[in-house]
Amino acid sequence: MDMTELFDSLEKGLKQAIAHADNTKKARTKKILITELPTYSAKDIKGFRQKVELTQSAFAELMGISKKTVEAWENGRNSPNGSATRLLQIIDSNPEVLMDELTIENEAIVN
């Protein structure tokens, strides 16, 4: 975007904000419904990890948690919090998205 386009875009946005503030134009809104936070069992969590073919250590690194936390989840001693549950929900529904975004594939050739 060059400087002229940037200026035009900023000017348009400011005019819309002023019109909204003066009650001469309604702002557009978008409503979305958030799905309910799922609950996963220890067996589910272990299954998700196995689905993406990771060790407990690698899965912990992917999730940004400790290996002991993964162990506790898989043994049923603890449950994931809200944000971790949302990541598990993504792994459950579309593991490729998370794996493609958060990993770099590095295959070694062994003779």
N, C-alpha and C. Protein backbone atom coordinates (compact mmCIF):
# COMPACT_ATOMS: atom_id res chain seq x y z
N MET A 1 0.85 -1.17 0.00
CA MET A 1 0.00 0.00 0.00
C MET A 1 0.90 1.24 0.00
N ASP A 2 0.70 2.11 -0.96
CA ASP A 2 1.52 3.32 -1.00
C ASP A 2 0.92 4.39 -0.07
N MET A 3 1.60 5.50 0.05
CA MET A 3 1.21 6.54 0.99
C MET A 3 -0.16 7.14 0.66
N THR A 4 -0.48 7.29 -0.63
CA THR A 4 -1.77 7.85 -1.03
C THR A 4 -2.90 6.93 -0.61
N GLU A 5 -2.74 5.63 -0.88
CA GLU A 5 -3.77 4.66 -0.48
C GLU A 5 -3.93 4.61 1.03
N LEU A 6 -2.81 4.68 1.74
CA LEU A 6 -2.86 4.68 3.19
C LEU A 6 -3.62 5.91 3.71
N PHE A 7 -3.29 7.07 3.16
CA PHE A 7 -3.98 8.30 3.57
C PHE A 7 -5.48 8.20 3.28
N ASP A 8 -5.84 7.72 2.08
CA ASP A 8 -7.25 7.60 1.71
C ASP A 8 -7.99 6.66 2.66
N SER A 9 -7.35 5.58 3.00
CA SER A 9 -7.96 4.61 3.91
C SER A 9 -8.16 5.21 5.30
N LEU A 10 -7.14 5.90 5.79
CA LEU A 10 -7.25 6.56 7.10
C LEU A 10 -8.33 7.64 7.10
N GLU A 11 -8.36 8.44 6.03
CA GLU A 11 -9.36 9.50 5.93
C GLU A 11 -10.77 8.92 5.92
N LYS A 12 -10.97 7.84 5.16
CA LYS A 12 -12.29 7.20 5.09
C LYS A 12 -12.70 6.69 6.48
N GLY A 13 -11.77 6.05 7.17
CA GLY A 13 -12.05 5.53 8.51
C GLY A 13 -12.39 6.62 9.50
N LEU A 14 -11.65 7.73 9.43
CA LEU A 14 -11.93 8.85 10.32
C LEU A 14 -13.28 9.47 10.04
N LYS A 15 -13.64 9.61 8.78
CA LYS A 15 -14.95 10.16 8.43
C LYS A 15 -16.07 9.26 8.94
N GLN A 16 -15.87 7.94 8.84
CA GLN A 16 -16.88 7.01 9.34
C GLN A 16 -17.00 7.11 10.86
N ALA A 17 -15.86 7.25 11.55
CA ALA A 17 -15.87 7.37 13.00
C ALA A 17 -16.58 8.64 13.45
N ILE A 18 -16.33 9.74 12.74
CA ILE A 18 -16.98 11.01 13.07
C ILE A 18 -18.48 10.91 12.83
N ALA A 19 -18.88 10.30 11.71
CA ALA A 19 -20.30 10.14 11.42
C ALA A 19 -20.98 9.29 12.49
N HIS A 20 -20.30 8.27 12.95
CA HIS A 20 -20.86 7.42 14.01
C HIS A 20 -20.98 8.20 15.31
N ALA A 21 -19.94 8.96 15.64
CA ALA A 21 -19.95 9.76 16.87
C ALA A 21 -21.05 10.81 16.85
N ASP A 22 -21.35 11.36 15.67
CA ASP A 22 -22.39 12.37 15.53
C ASP A 22 -23.78 11.76 15.36
N ASN A 23 -23.87 10.44 15.43
CA ASN A 23 -25.12 9.70 15.24
C ASN A 23 -25.75 9.93 13.86
N THR A 24 -24.93 10.22 12.87
CA THR A 24 -25.45 10.38 11.52
C THR A 24 -25.27 9.10 10.70
N LYS A 25 -24.55 8.15 11.25
CA LYS A 25 -24.35 6.87 10.56
C LYS A 25 -24.16 5.79 11.60
N LYS A 26 -24.84 4.68 11.39
CA LYS A 26 -24.69 3.55 12.32
C LYS A 26 -23.44 2.75 11.96
N ALA A 27 -22.75 2.30 12.98
CA ALA A 27 -21.58 1.46 12.77
C ALA A 27 -22.04 0.04 12.45
N ARG A 28 -21.29 -0.62 11.60
CA ARG A 28 -21.59 -2.02 11.30
C ARG A 28 -21.11 -2.88 12.45
N THR A 29 -21.90 -3.86 12.77
CA THR A 29 -21.51 -4.82 13.80
C THR A 29 -21.64 -6.23 13.26
N LYS A 30 -20.90 -7.11 13.86
CA LYS A 30 -20.96 -8.52 13.47
C LYS A 30 -21.04 -9.33 14.76
N LYS A 31 -22.06 -10.15 14.85
CA LYS A 31 -22.23 -10.99 16.03
C LYS A 31 -21.84 -12.42 15.67
N ILE A 32 -21.11 -13.03 16.57
CA ILE A 32 -20.74 -14.43 16.39
C ILE A 32 -21.11 -15.20 17.66
N LEU A 33 -21.37 -16.46 17.49
CA LEU A 33 -21.63 -17.32 18.64
C LEU A 33 -20.39 -18.18 18.86
N ILE A 34 -19.92 -18.20 20.07
CA ILE A 34 -18.75 -19.00 20.43
C ILE A 34 -19.24 -20.37 20.89
N THR A 35 -18.62 -21.41 20.36
CA THR A 35 -19.02 -22.75 20.78
C THR A 35 -18.68 -22.98 22.25
N GLU A 36 -19.46 -23.82 22.87
CA GLU A 36 -19.23 -24.14 24.28
C GLU A 36 -17.87 -24.81 24.43
N LEU A 37 -17.21 -24.54 25.52
CA LEU A 37 -15.91 -25.14 25.80
C LEU A 37 -16.10 -26.63 26.07
N PRO A 38 -15.46 -27.47 25.27
CA PRO A 38 -15.65 -28.92 25.46
C PRO A 38 -14.91 -29.43 26.69
N THR A 39 -15.25 -30.63 27.09
CA THR A 39 -14.56 -31.32 28.18
C THR A 39 -13.93 -32.57 27.59
N TYR A 40 -12.66 -32.78 27.88
CA TYR A 40 -11.96 -33.94 27.34
C TYR A 40 -11.48 -34.85 28.47
N SER A 41 -11.60 -36.14 28.23
CA SER A 41 -11.14 -37.14 29.20
C SER A 41 -9.64 -37.37 29.01
N ALA A 42 -9.05 -38.07 29.96
CA ALA A 42 -7.64 -38.43 29.86
C ALA A 42 -7.40 -39.25 28.59
N LYS A 43 -8.32 -40.16 28.29
CA LYS A 43 -8.20 -41.00 27.09
C LYS A 43 -8.26 -40.14 25.81
N ASP A 44 -9.15 -39.14 25.81
CA ASP A 44 -9.26 -38.23 24.66
C ASP A 44 -7.93 -37.52 24.41
N ILE A 45 -7.35 -36.99 25.48
CA ILE A 45 -6.13 -36.20 25.35
C ILE A 45 -4.98 -37.07 24.84
N LYS A 46 -4.87 -38.26 25.36
CA LYS A 46 -3.83 -39.17 24.87
C LYS A 46 -4.08 -39.49 23.39
N GLY A 47 -5.35 -39.66 23.03
CA GLY A 47 -5.69 -39.92 21.64
C GLY A 47 -5.32 -38.77 20.72
N PHE A 48 -5.53 -37.53 21.18
CA PHE A 48 -5.15 -36.36 20.37
C PHE A 48 -3.64 -36.35 20.14
N ARG A 49 -2.89 -36.61 21.21
CA ARG A 49 -1.42 -36.63 21.10
C ARG A 49 -0.98 -37.71 20.12
N GLN A 50 -1.60 -38.87 20.21
CA GLN A 50 -1.25 -39.95 19.29
C GLN A 50 -1.69 -39.64 17.86
N LYS A 51 -2.78 -38.91 17.71
CA LYS A 51 -3.26 -38.53 16.38
C LYS A 51 -2.23 -37.68 15.64
N VAL A 52 -1.54 -36.82 16.38
CA VAL A 52 -0.52 -35.96 15.75
C VAL A 52 0.87 -36.59 15.83
N GLU A 53 0.92 -37.83 16.33
CA GLU A 53 2.14 -38.64 16.37
C GLU A 53 3.30 -37.94 17.09
N LEU A 54 3.02 -37.47 18.31
CA LEU A 54 4.04 -36.80 19.11
C LEU A 54 4.24 -37.52 20.44
N THR A 55 5.45 -37.46 20.95
CA THR A 55 5.72 -37.94 22.30
C THR A 55 5.11 -36.96 23.29
N GLN A 56 5.06 -37.35 24.55
CA GLN A 56 4.55 -36.43 25.57
C GLN A 56 5.39 -35.16 25.62
N SER A 57 6.71 -35.31 25.50
CA SER A 57 7.60 -34.14 25.53
C SER A 57 7.34 -33.20 24.36
N ALA A 58 7.22 -33.76 23.16
CA ALA A 58 6.98 -32.93 21.97
C ALA A 58 5.59 -32.29 22.02
N PHE A 59 4.60 -33.05 22.50
CA PHE A 59 3.25 -32.51 22.63
C PHE A 59 3.22 -31.36 23.63
N ALA A 60 3.96 -31.52 24.73
CA ALA A 60 4.05 -30.47 25.74
C ALA A 60 4.65 -29.20 25.13
N GLU A 61 5.69 -29.37 24.35
CA GLU A 61 6.33 -28.22 23.70
C GLU A 61 5.36 -27.54 22.73
N LEU A 62 4.64 -28.33 21.96
CA LEU A 62 3.65 -27.79 21.02
C LEU A 62 2.58 -26.98 21.75
N MET A 63 2.13 -27.49 22.89
CA MET A 63 1.06 -26.85 23.65
C MET A 63 1.57 -25.71 24.53
N GLY A 64 2.89 -25.61 24.71
CA GLY A 64 3.45 -24.57 25.56
C GLY A 64 3.29 -24.86 27.04
N ILE A 65 3.37 -26.15 27.37
CA ILE A 65 3.21 -26.58 28.77
C ILE A 65 4.33 -27.56 29.11
N SER A 66 4.37 -28.01 30.36
CA SER A 66 5.40 -28.96 30.77
C SER A 66 4.96 -30.40 30.45
N LYS A 67 5.95 -31.27 30.37
CA LYS A 67 5.67 -32.69 30.14
C LYS A 67 4.85 -33.25 31.30
N LYS A 68 5.14 -32.79 32.51
CA LYS A 68 4.40 -33.26 33.69
C LYS A 68 2.91 -32.90 33.59
N THR A 69 2.61 -31.77 32.97
CA THR A 69 1.21 -31.39 32.78
C THR A 69 0.52 -32.36 31.83
N VAL A 70 1.21 -32.71 30.74
CA VAL A 70 0.65 -33.68 29.79
C VAL A 70 0.43 -35.02 30.49
N GLU A 71 1.41 -35.45 31.27
CA GLU A 71 1.28 -36.70 32.02
C GLU A 71 0.07 -36.65 32.96
N ALA A 72 -0.10 -35.52 33.65
CA ALA A 72 -1.23 -35.38 34.58
C ALA A 72 -2.56 -35.43 33.84
N TRP A 73 -2.62 -34.80 32.68
CA TRP A 73 -3.85 -34.85 31.88
C TRP A 73 -4.16 -36.27 31.45
N GLU A 74 -3.13 -36.95 30.92
CA GLU A 74 -3.34 -38.30 30.39
C GLU A 74 -3.61 -39.33 31.48
N ASN A 75 -3.20 -39.04 32.71
CA ASN A 75 -3.48 -39.95 33.82
C ASN A 75 -4.73 -39.55 34.58
N GLY A 76 -5.39 -38.47 34.17
CA GLY A 76 -6.62 -38.04 34.80
C GLY A 76 -6.45 -37.31 36.12
N ARG A 77 -5.22 -36.95 36.47
CA ARG A 77 -4.97 -36.24 37.73
C ARG A 77 -5.28 -34.75 37.63
N ASN A 78 -5.32 -34.23 36.40
CA ASN A 78 -5.57 -32.81 36.18
C ASN A 78 -6.30 -32.66 34.86
N SER A 79 -6.89 -31.48 34.64
CA SER A 79 -7.60 -31.20 33.40
C SER A 79 -7.05 -29.92 32.78
N PRO A 80 -7.10 -29.82 31.47
CA PRO A 80 -6.62 -28.60 30.81
C PRO A 80 -7.50 -27.40 31.13
N ASN A 81 -6.87 -26.20 31.13
CA ASN A 81 -7.63 -24.97 31.36
C ASN A 81 -8.30 -24.54 30.05
N GLY A 82 -8.96 -23.40 30.07
CA GLY A 82 -9.74 -22.93 28.92
C GLY A 82 -8.94 -22.81 27.63
N SER A 83 -7.80 -22.10 27.69
CA SER A 83 -7.03 -21.90 26.45
C SER A 83 -6.43 -23.21 25.95
N ALA A 84 -5.97 -24.05 26.85
CA ALA A 84 -5.43 -25.34 26.44
C ALA A 84 -6.54 -26.22 25.85
N THR A 85 -7.73 -26.13 26.43
CA THR A 85 -8.87 -26.89 25.90
C THR A 85 -9.20 -26.45 24.49
N ARG A 86 -9.12 -25.14 24.21
CA ARG A 86 -9.38 -24.65 22.84
C ARG A 86 -8.34 -25.21 21.86
N LEU A 87 -7.07 -25.27 22.27
CA LEU A 87 -6.06 -25.87 21.40
C LEU A 87 -6.36 -27.34 21.16
N LEU A 88 -6.75 -28.04 22.20
CA LEU A 88 -7.12 -29.45 22.04
C LEU A 88 -8.32 -29.59 21.10
N GLN A 89 -9.24 -28.65 21.17
CA GLN A 89 -10.40 -28.66 20.28
C GLN A 89 -9.96 -28.53 18.82
N ILE A 90 -8.97 -27.69 18.56
CA ILE A 90 -8.44 -27.56 17.20
C ILE A 90 -7.76 -28.85 16.77
N ILE A 91 -7.00 -29.45 17.66
CA ILE A 91 -6.34 -30.72 17.34
C ILE A 91 -7.40 -31.78 17.04
N ASP A 92 -8.47 -31.78 17.80
CA ASP A 92 -9.54 -32.75 17.61
C ASP A 92 -10.21 -32.57 16.24
N SER A 93 -10.52 -31.35 15.89
CA SER A 93 -11.28 -31.10 14.66
C SER A 93 -10.42 -30.99 13.42
N ASN A 94 -9.21 -30.44 13.54
CA ASN A 94 -8.38 -30.22 12.36
C ASN A 94 -6.91 -30.17 12.77
N PRO A 95 -6.31 -31.31 13.07
CA PRO A 95 -4.93 -31.30 13.58
C PRO A 95 -3.91 -30.72 12.60
N GLU A 96 -4.20 -30.80 11.31
CA GLU A 96 -3.26 -30.29 10.32
C GLU A 96 -3.04 -28.79 10.46
N VAL A 97 -4.09 -28.06 10.82
CA VAL A 97 -3.99 -26.61 10.97
C VAL A 97 -2.95 -26.27 12.03
N LEU A 98 -3.08 -26.86 13.20
CA LEU A 98 -2.16 -26.58 14.29
C LEU A 98 -0.75 -27.06 13.96
N MET A 99 -0.65 -28.26 13.42
CA MET A 99 0.66 -28.81 13.10
C MET A 99 1.36 -27.99 12.01
N ASP A 100 0.63 -27.58 11.00
CA ASP A 100 1.23 -26.78 9.92
C ASP A 100 1.70 -25.43 10.44
N GLU A 101 0.96 -24.86 11.36
CA GLU A 101 1.27 -23.52 11.86
C GLU A 101 2.40 -23.53 12.88
N LEU A 102 2.47 -24.58 13.71
CA LEU A 102 3.39 -24.56 14.84
C LEU A 102 4.61 -25.47 14.72
N THR A 103 4.74 -26.18 13.63
CA THR A 103 5.88 -27.08 13.49
C THR A 103 6.60 -26.87 12.17
N ILE A 104 7.84 -27.32 12.14
CA ILE A 104 8.65 -27.32 10.93
C ILE A 104 9.09 -28.76 10.74
N GLU A 105 8.73 -29.34 9.60
CA GLU A 105 9.08 -30.73 9.36
C GLU A 105 10.55 -30.83 8.97
N ASN A 106 11.23 -31.77 9.58
CA ASN A 106 12.66 -31.96 9.32
C ASN A 106 12.93 -33.46 9.32
N GLU A 107 12.82 -34.08 8.15
CA GLU A 107 13.03 -35.52 8.06
C GLU A 107 14.49 -35.81 7.75
N ALA A 108 15.07 -36.69 8.52
CA ALA A 108 16.44 -37.10 8.28
C ALA A 108 16.43 -38.41 7.50
N ILE A 109 17.34 -38.54 6.58
CA ILE A 109 17.47 -39.77 5.81
C ILE A 109 18.50 -40.64 6.49
N VAL A 110 18.08 -41.87 6.83
CA VAL A 110 18.96 -42.79 7.53
C VAL A 110 19.34 -43.90 6.57
N ASN A 111 20.63 -44.17 6.46
CA ASN A 111 21.11 -45.26 5.58
C ASN A 111 21.09 -46.57 6.30
